[in-house]
Structure formats: C-alpha cells, structure tokens
PDB file of N, CA and C in Angstrom:
ATOM      1  N   UNK A   1     -72.018 -17.631 -10.779  1.00  0.00           N
ATOM      2  CA  UNK A   1     -70.923 -16.740 -11.099  1.00  0.00           C
ATOM      3  C   UNK A   1     -70.277 -17.126 -12.433  1.00  0.00           C
ATOM      4  N   UNK A   2     -70.089 -18.411 -12.679  1.00  0.00           N
ATOM      5  CA  UNK A   2     -69.461 -18.853 -13.925  1.00  0.00           C
ATOM      6  C   UNK A   2     -70.347 -18.543 -15.122  1.00  0.00           C
ATOM      7  N   UNK A   3     -71.661 -18.586 -14.915  1.00  0.00           N
ATOM      8  CA  UNK A   3     -72.570 -18.295 -16.014  1.00  0.00           C
ATOM      9  C   UNK A   3     -72.472 -16.827 -16.416  1.00  0.00           C
ATOM     10  N   UNK A   4     -72.316 -15.928 -15.438  1.00  0.00           N
ATOM     11  CA  UNK A   4     -72.144 -14.508 -15.745  1.00  0.00           C
ATOM     12  C   UNK A   4     -70.874 -14.292 -16.552  1.00  0.00           C
ATOM     13  N   UNK A   5     -69.798 -14.955 -16.166  1.00  0.00           N
ATOM     14  CA  UNK A   5     -68.529 -14.804 -16.878  1.00  0.00           C
ATOM     15  C   UNK A   5     -68.627 -15.388 -18.285  1.00  0.00           C
ATOM     16  N   UNK A   6     -69.377 -16.444 -18.443  1.00  0.00           N
ATOM     17  CA  UNK A   6     -69.511 -17.072 -19.754  1.00  0.00           C
ATOM     18  C   UNK A   6     -70.262 -16.160 -20.724  1.00  0.00           C
ATOM     19  N   UNK A   7     -71.277 -15.480 -20.246  1.00  0.00           N
ATOM     20  CA  UNK A   7     -72.076 -14.603 -21.091  1.00  0.00           C
ATOM     21  C   UNK A   7     -71.476 -13.206 -21.233  1.00  0.00           C
ATOM     22  N   UNK A   8     -70.397 -12.925 -20.523  1.00  0.00           N
ATOM     23  CA  UNK A   8     -69.782 -11.599 -20.567  1.00  0.00           C
ATOM     24  C   UNK A   8     -69.278 -11.255 -21.958  1.00  0.00           C
ATOM     25  N   UNK A   9     -68.710 -12.217 -22.660  1.00  0.00           N
ATOM     26  CA  UNK A   9     -68.145 -11.944 -23.977  1.00  0.00           C
ATOM     27  C   UNK A   9     -69.223 -11.561 -24.989  1.00  0.00           C
ATOM     28  N   UNK A  10     -70.441 -12.027 -24.782  1.00  0.00           N
ATOM     29  CA  UNK A  10     -71.519 -11.707 -25.707  1.00  0.00           C
ATOM     30  C   UNK A  10     -72.285 -10.452 -25.301  1.00  0.00           C
ATOM     31  N   UNK A  11     -71.877  -9.816 -24.212  1.00  0.00           N
ATOM     32  CA  UNK A  11     -72.536  -8.594 -23.785  1.00  0.00           C
ATOM     33  C   UNK A  11     -71.866  -7.397 -24.442  1.00  0.00           C
ATOM     34  N   UNK A  12     -72.520  -6.242 -24.348  1.00  0.00           N
ATOM     35  CA  UNK A  12     -71.929  -5.032 -24.918  1.00  0.00           C
ATOM     36  C   UNK A  12     -70.622  -4.683 -24.224  1.00  0.00           C
ATOM     37  N   UNK A  13     -70.601  -4.805 -22.927  1.00  0.00           N
ATOM     38  CA  UNK A  13     -69.386  -4.494 -22.178  1.00  0.00           C
ATOM     39  C   UNK A  13     -68.257  -5.420 -22.591  1.00  0.00           C
ATOM     40  N   UNK A  14     -68.563  -6.694 -22.745  1.00  0.00           N
ATOM     41  CA  UNK A  14     -67.550  -7.655 -23.170  1.00  0.00           C
ATOM     42  C   UNK A  14     -67.008  -7.338 -24.551  1.00  0.00           C
ATOM     43  N   UNK A  15     -67.892  -6.914 -25.445  1.00  0.00           N
ATOM     44  CA  UNK A  15     -67.438  -6.548 -26.789  1.00  0.00           C
ATOM     45  C   UNK A  15     -66.573  -5.300 -26.767  1.00  0.00           C
ATOM     46  N   UNK A  16     -66.942  -4.328 -25.925  1.00  0.00           N
ATOM     47  CA  UNK A  16     -66.110  -3.126 -25.804  1.00  0.00           C
ATOM     48  C   UNK A  16     -64.719  -3.456 -25.252  1.00  0.00           C
ATOM     49  N   UNK A  17     -64.672  -4.359 -24.277  1.00  0.00           N
ATOM     50  CA  UNK A  17     -63.383  -4.782 -23.721  1.00  0.00           C
ATOM     51  C   UNK A  17     -62.564  -5.501 -24.793  1.00  0.00           C
ATOM     52  N   UNK A  18     -63.217  -6.353 -25.565  1.00  0.00           N
ATOM     53  CA  UNK A  18     -62.517  -7.060 -26.639  1.00  0.00           C
ATOM     54  C   UNK A  18     -62.003  -6.091 -27.702  1.00  0.00           C
ATOM     55  N   UNK A  19     -62.808  -5.089 -28.051  1.00  0.00           N
ATOM     56  CA  UNK A  19     -62.371  -4.069 -29.008  1.00  0.00           C
ATOM     57  C   UNK A  19     -61.140  -3.333 -28.490  1.00  0.00           C
ATOM     58  N   UNK A  20     -61.174  -2.967 -27.219  1.00  0.00           N
ATOM     59  CA  UNK A  20     -60.055  -2.215 -26.641  1.00  0.00           C
ATOM     60  C   UNK A  20     -58.781  -3.050 -26.597  1.00  0.00           C
ATOM     61  N   UNK A  21     -58.876  -4.300 -26.187  1.00  0.00           N
ATOM     62  CA  UNK A  21     -57.675  -5.131 -26.112  1.00  0.00           C
ATOM     63  C   UNK A  21     -57.125  -5.442 -27.495  1.00  0.00           C
ATOM     64  N   UNK A  22     -58.011  -5.621 -28.454  1.00  0.00           N
ATOM     65  CA  UNK A  22     -57.549  -5.854 -29.819  1.00  0.00           C
ATOM     66  C   UNK A  22     -56.885  -4.602 -30.383  1.00  0.00           C
ATOM     67  N   UNK A  23     -57.449  -3.454 -30.068  1.00  0.00           N
ATOM     68  CA  UNK A  23     -56.866  -2.191 -30.535  1.00  0.00           C
ATOM     69  C   UNK A  23     -55.482  -1.954 -29.923  1.00  0.00           C
ATOM     70  N   UNK A  24     -55.266  -2.403 -28.693  1.00  0.00           N
ATOM     71  CA  UNK A  24     -53.945  -2.259 -28.091  1.00  0.00           C
ATOM     72  C   UNK A  24     -52.896  -3.101 -28.812  1.00  0.00           C
ATOM     73  N   UNK A  25     -53.327  -4.129 -29.516  1.00  0.00           N
ATOM     74  CA  UNK A  25     -52.405  -4.927 -30.317  1.00  0.00           C
ATOM     75  C   UNK A  25     -51.778  -4.125 -31.432  1.00  0.00           C
ATOM     76  N   UNK A  26     -52.448  -3.053 -31.844  1.00  0.00           N
ATOM     77  CA  UNK A  26     -51.918  -2.183 -32.887  1.00  0.00           C
ATOM     78  C   UNK A  26     -50.587  -1.572 -32.451  1.00  0.00           C
ATOM     79  N   UNK A  27     -50.473  -1.251 -31.176  1.00  0.00           N
ATOM     80  CA  UNK A  27     -49.243  -0.636 -30.664  1.00  0.00           C
ATOM     81  C   UNK A  27     -48.057  -1.574 -30.841  1.00  0.00           C
ATOM     82  N   UNK A  28     -48.220  -2.839 -30.474  1.00  0.00           N
ATOM     83  CA  UNK A  28     -47.101  -3.781 -30.599  1.00  0.00           C
ATOM     84  C   UNK A  28     -46.768  -4.062 -32.064  1.00  0.00           C
ATOM     85  N   UNK A  29     -47.784  -4.106 -32.919  1.00  0.00           N
ATOM     86  CA  UNK A  29     -47.534  -4.338 -34.345  1.00  0.00           C
ATOM     87  C   UNK A  29     -46.804  -3.138 -34.945  1.00  0.00           C
ATOM     88  N   UNK A  30     -47.170  -1.942 -34.521  1.00  0.00           N
ATOM     89  CA  UNK A  30     -46.497  -0.742 -35.026  1.00  0.00           C
ATOM     90  C   UNK A  30     -45.028  -0.723 -34.597  1.00  0.00           C
ATOM     91  N   UNK A  31     -44.759  -1.114 -33.354  1.00  0.00           N
ATOM     92  CA  UNK A  31     -43.365  -1.194 -32.883  1.00  0.00           C
ATOM     93  C   UNK A  31     -42.585  -2.235 -33.676  1.00  0.00           C
ATOM     94  N   UNK A  32     -43.221  -3.373 -33.918  1.00  0.00           N
ATOM     95  CA  UNK A  32     -42.572  -4.438 -34.679  1.00  0.00           C
ATOM     96  C   UNK A  32     -42.270  -3.976 -36.101  1.00  0.00           C
ATOM     97  N   UNK A  33     -43.194  -3.266 -36.721  1.00  0.00           N
ATOM     98  CA  UNK A  33     -42.973  -2.777 -38.084  1.00  0.00           C
ATOM     99  C   UNK A  33     -41.856  -1.740 -38.117  1.00  0.00           C
ATOM    100  N   UNK A  34     -41.820  -0.879 -37.116  1.00  0.00           N
ATOM    101  CA  UNK A  34     -40.771   0.152 -37.064  1.00  0.00           C
ATOM    102  C   UNK A  34     -39.385  -0.480 -36.918  1.00  0.00           C
ATOM    103  N   UNK A  35     -39.278  -1.471 -36.041  1.00  0.00           N
ATOM    104  CA  UNK A  35     -38.004  -2.177 -35.871  1.00  0.00           C
ATOM    105  C   UNK A  35     -37.602  -2.892 -37.157  1.00  0.00           C
ATOM    106  N   UNK A  36     -38.576  -3.498 -37.817  1.00  0.00           N
ATOM    107  CA  UNK A  36     -38.289  -4.225 -39.058  1.00  0.00           C
ATOM    108  C   UNK A  36     -37.798  -3.277 -40.146  1.00  0.00           C
ATOM    109  N   UNK A  37     -38.407  -2.098 -40.223  1.00  0.00           N
ATOM    110  CA  UNK A  37     -37.957  -1.119 -41.225  1.00  0.00           C
ATOM    111  C   UNK A  37     -36.564  -0.612 -40.919  1.00  0.00           C
ATOM    112  N   UNK A  38     -36.285  -0.380 -39.631  1.00  0.00           N
ATOM    113  CA  UNK A  38     -34.954   0.107 -39.244  1.00  0.00           C
ATOM    114  C   UNK A  38     -33.873  -0.933 -39.495  1.00  0.00           C
ATOM    115  N   UNK A  39     -34.207  -2.211 -39.275  1.00  0.00           N
ATOM    116  CA  UNK A  39     -33.239  -3.297 -39.466  1.00  0.00           C
ATOM    117  C   UNK A  39     -33.232  -3.830 -40.899  1.00  0.00           C
ATOM    118  N   UNK A  40     -34.126  -3.321 -41.736  1.00  0.00           N
ATOM    119  CA  UNK A  40     -34.281  -3.804 -43.114  1.00  0.00           C
ATOM    120  C   UNK A  40     -34.543  -5.312 -43.132  1.00  0.00           C
ATOM    121  N   UNK A  41     -35.391  -5.759 -42.206  1.00  0.00           N
ATOM    122  CA  UNK A  41     -35.739  -7.174 -42.074  1.00  0.00           C
ATOM    123  C   UNK A  41     -37.091  -7.417 -42.759  1.00  0.00           C
ATOM    124  N   UNK A  42     -37.028  -7.951 -43.958  1.00  0.00           N
ATOM    125  CA  UNK A  42     -38.234  -8.136 -44.758  1.00  0.00           C
ATOM    126  C   UNK A  42     -39.182  -9.164 -44.142  1.00  0.00           C
ATOM    127  N   UNK A  43     -38.648 -10.209 -43.533  1.00  0.00           N
ATOM    128  CA  UNK A  43     -39.493 -11.244 -42.948  1.00  0.00           C
ATOM    129  C   UNK A  43     -40.300 -10.682 -41.775  1.00  0.00           C
ATOM    130  N   UNK A  44     -39.679  -9.893 -40.924  1.00  0.00           N
ATOM    131  CA  UNK A  44     -40.394  -9.264 -39.811  1.00  0.00           C
ATOM    132  C   UNK A  44     -41.417  -8.253 -40.311  1.00  0.00           C
ATOM    133  N   UNK A  45     -41.093  -7.572 -41.387  1.00  0.00           N
ATOM    134  CA  UNK A  45     -42.023  -6.604 -41.958  1.00  0.00           C
ATOM    135  C   UNK A  45     -43.267  -7.303 -42.508  1.00  0.00           C
ATOM    136  N   UNK A  46     -43.066  -8.439 -43.144  1.00  0.00           N
ATOM    137  CA  UNK A  46     -44.200  -9.233 -43.643  1.00  0.00           C
ATOM    138  C   UNK A  46     -45.031  -9.745 -42.476  1.00  0.00           C
ATOM    139  N   UNK A  47     -44.357 -10.194 -41.411  1.00  0.00           N
ATOM    140  CA  UNK A  47     -45.057 -10.684 -40.234  1.00  0.00           C
ATOM    141  C   UNK A  47     -45.908  -9.581 -39.605  1.00  0.00           C
ATOM    142  N   UNK A  48     -45.385  -8.371 -39.534  1.00  0.00           N
ATOM    143  CA  UNK A  48     -46.156  -7.276 -38.948  1.00  0.00           C
ATOM    144  C   UNK A  48     -47.334  -6.897 -39.845  1.00  0.00           C
ATOM    145  N   UNK A  49     -47.165  -7.001 -41.151  1.00  0.00           N
ATOM    146  CA  UNK A  49     -48.275  -6.708 -42.068  1.00  0.00           C
ATOM    147  C   UNK A  49     -49.392  -7.733 -41.918  1.00  0.00           C
ATOM    148  N   UNK A  50     -49.016  -8.997 -41.785  1.00  0.00           N
ATOM    149  CA  UNK A  50     -50.016 -10.055 -41.591  1.00  0.00           C
ATOM    150  C   UNK A  50     -50.711  -9.873 -40.242  1.00  0.00           C
ATOM    151  N   UNK A  51     -49.953  -9.519 -39.224  1.00  0.00           N
ATOM    152  CA  UNK A  51     -50.541  -9.275 -37.902  1.00  0.00           C
ATOM    153  C   UNK A  51     -51.495  -8.087 -37.946  1.00  0.00           C
ATOM    154  N   UNK A  52     -51.136  -7.050 -38.670  1.00  0.00           N
ATOM    155  CA  UNK A  52     -52.008  -5.882 -38.798  1.00  0.00           C
ATOM    156  C   UNK A  52     -53.300  -6.253 -39.507  1.00  0.00           C
ATOM    157  N   UNK A  53     -53.202  -7.097 -40.513  1.00  0.00           N
ATOM    158  CA  UNK A  53     -54.403  -7.551 -41.214  1.00  0.00           C
ATOM    159  C   UNK A  53     -55.294  -8.379 -40.288  1.00  0.00           C
ATOM    160  N   UNK A  54     -54.684  -9.199 -39.456  1.00  0.00           N
ATOM    161  CA  UNK A  54     -55.454 -10.009 -38.504  1.00  0.00           C
ATOM    162  C   UNK A  54     -56.154  -9.115 -37.479  1.00  0.00           C
ATOM    163  N   UNK A  55     -55.474  -8.078 -37.032  1.00  0.00           N
ATOM    164  CA  UNK A  55     -56.084  -7.151 -36.075  1.00  0.00           C
ATOM    165  C   UNK A  55     -57.247  -6.409 -36.732  1.00  0.00           C
ATOM    166  N   UNK A  56     -57.060  -5.959 -37.956  1.00  0.00           N
ATOM    167  CA  UNK A  56     -58.125  -5.250 -38.664  1.00  0.00           C
ATOM    168  C   UNK A  56     -59.348  -6.144 -38.856  1.00  0.00           C
ATOM    169  N   UNK A  57     -59.116  -7.405 -39.196  1.00  0.00           N
ATOM    170  CA  UNK A  57     -60.217  -8.349 -39.361  1.00  0.00           C
ATOM    171  C   UNK A  57     -60.926  -8.591 -38.036  1.00  0.00           C
ATOM    172  N   UNK A  58     -60.150  -8.751 -36.976  1.00  0.00           N
ATOM    173  CA  UNK A  58     -60.735  -8.956 -35.645  1.00  0.00           C
ATOM    174  C   UNK A  58     -61.581  -7.776 -35.206  1.00  0.00           C
ATOM    175  N   UNK A  59     -61.084  -6.568 -35.448  1.00  0.00           N
ATOM    176  CA  UNK A  59     -61.855  -5.376 -35.094  1.00  0.00           C
ATOM    177  C   UNK A  59     -63.147  -5.290 -35.911  1.00  0.00           C
ATOM    178  N   UNK A  60     -63.084  -5.664 -37.179  1.00  0.00           N
ATOM    179  CA  UNK A  60     -64.285  -5.635 -38.021  1.00  0.00           C
ATOM    180  C   UNK A  60     -65.324  -6.638 -37.535  1.00  0.00           C
ATOM    181  N   UNK A  61     -64.874  -7.811 -37.136  1.00  0.00           N
ATOM    182  CA  UNK A  61     -65.796  -8.832 -36.625  1.00  0.00           C
ATOM    183  C   UNK A  61     -66.431  -8.371 -35.322  1.00  0.00           C
ATOM    184  N   UNK A  62     -65.619  -7.799 -34.424  1.00  0.00           N
ATOM    185  CA  UNK A  62     -66.165  -7.313 -33.160  1.00  0.00           C
ATOM    186  C   UNK A  62     -67.148  -6.166 -33.381  1.00  0.00           C
ATOM    187  N   UNK A  63     -66.855  -5.291 -34.337  1.00  0.00           N
ATOM    188  CA  UNK A  63     -67.761  -4.191 -34.658  1.00  0.00           C
ATOM    189  C   UNK A  63     -69.090  -4.724 -35.186  1.00  0.00           C
ATOM    190  N   UNK A  64     -69.018  -5.742 -36.033  1.00  0.00           N
ATOM    191  CA  UNK A  64     -70.236  -6.346 -36.563  1.00  0.00           C
ATOM    192  C   UNK A  64     -71.085  -6.949 -35.443  1.00  0.00           C
ATOM    193  N   UNK A  65     -70.441  -7.616 -34.494  1.00  0.00           N
ATOM    194  CA  UNK A  65     -71.163  -8.199 -33.368  1.00  0.00           C
ATOM    195  C   UNK A  65     -71.793  -7.109 -32.500  1.00  0.00           C
ATOM    196  N   UNK A  66     -71.093  -6.004 -32.352  1.00  0.00           N
ATOM    197  CA  UNK A  66     -71.622  -4.888 -31.576  1.00  0.00           C
ATOM    198  C   UNK A  66     -72.854  -4.300 -32.258  1.00  0.00           C
ATOM    199  N   UNK A  67     -72.814  -4.203 -33.579  1.00  0.00           N
ATOM    200  CA  UNK A  67     -73.982  -3.714 -34.324  1.00  0.00           C
ATOM    201  C   UNK A  67     -75.152  -4.687 -34.191  1.00  0.00           C
ATOM    202  N   UNK A  68     -74.872  -5.966 -34.182  1.00  0.00           N
ATOM    203  CA  UNK A  68     -75.945  -6.958 -34.029  1.00  0.00           C
ATOM    204  C   UNK A  68     -76.606  -6.832 -32.667  1.00  0.00           C
ATOM    205  N   UNK A  69     -75.808  -6.612 -31.635  1.00  0.00           N
ATOM    206  CA  UNK A  69     -76.391  -6.410 -30.314  1.00  0.00           C
ATOM    207  C   UNK A  69     -77.212  -5.136 -30.300  1.00  0.00           C
ATOM    208  N   UNK A  70     -76.753  -4.107 -31.015  1.00  0.00           N
ATOM    209  CA  UNK A  70     -77.475  -2.850 -31.079  1.00  0.00           C
ATOM    210  C   UNK A  70     -78.787  -2.971 -31.831  1.00  0.00           C
ATOM    211  N   UNK A  71     -78.872  -3.886 -32.787  1.00  0.00           N
ATOM    212  CA  UNK A  71     -80.107  -4.090 -33.546  1.00  0.00           C
ATOM    213  C   UNK A  71     -81.211  -4.648 -32.649  1.00  0.00           C
ATOM    214  N   UNK A  72     -80.826  -5.415 -31.638  1.00  0.00           N
ATOM    215  CA  UNK A  72     -81.805  -5.984 -30.720  1.00  0.00           C
ATOM    216  C   UNK A  72     -82.322  -4.952 -29.730  1.00  0.00           C
ATOM    217  N   UNK A  73     -81.568  -3.885 -29.529  1.00  0.00           N
ATOM    218  CA  UNK A  73     -81.906  -2.867 -28.551  1.00  0.00           C
ATOM    219  C   UNK A  73     -82.869  -1.859 -29.169  1.00  0.00           C
ATOM    220  N   UNK A  74     -84.027  -1.710 -28.568  1.00  0.00           N
ATOM    221  CA  UNK A  74     -85.047  -0.799 -29.089  1.00  0.00           C
ATOM    222  C   UNK A  74     -84.590   0.649 -28.969  1.00  0.00           C
ATOM    223  N   UNK A  75     -83.873   0.981 -27.903  1.00  0.00           N
ATOM    224  CA  UNK A  75     -83.460   2.361 -27.669  1.00  0.00           C
ATOM    225  C   UNK A  75     -82.383   2.823 -28.639  1.00  0.00           C
ATOM    226  N   UNK A  76     -81.533   1.904 -29.127  1.00  0.00           N
ATOM    227  CA  UNK A  76     -80.469   2.274 -30.037  1.00  0.00           C
ATOM    228  C   UNK A  76     -80.964   2.441 -31.458  1.00  0.00           C
ATOM    229  N   UNK A  77     -82.080   1.889 -31.782  1.00  0.00           N
ATOM    230  CA  UNK A  77     -82.639   2.051 -33.122  1.00  0.00           C
ATOM    231  C   UNK A  77     -82.059   1.099 -34.045  1.00  0.00           C
TER     232      UNK A  77
END
C-alpha cells in the first residue's frame, strides 16, 4: 500500500491532482493581492506577486512532467 502511495505523485493522476491543488493557490493569492491594493500595503502586494510567480513556476514544472509522462505513452503520441 505504501508503495502505491509513493508512486502516486509520479503518475498522471497524481500530476493532475498536483496541478489542481496548485491552481487553487491562485485564489488565495488573488484575495491577498486585492486586500493589499485596498489597504495600499506595498509589502503585501510584493508578497502576493512573489507567490503568484511561485505558483506559475510550479504549474509550469508540473505541466512539463505531465508532457514527459505523455511522451512515454504510445497512445498519446
């Protein structure tokens, strides 16, 4: 059972779950940016921009891994 859970992150399903959870982080970053703009808090605005960049990078890495898994699949081409 532990071996299945360990390999889950490297499976297509695991990557899709990781993409979805990372994408949900966009919602909290957007709320944080909106609050920062309303409060004119430059430090919070910078923090939300850095967080957004981290989310974008994470999504790009997960997408690349998904493409690599797809390259191994004969049916996906």
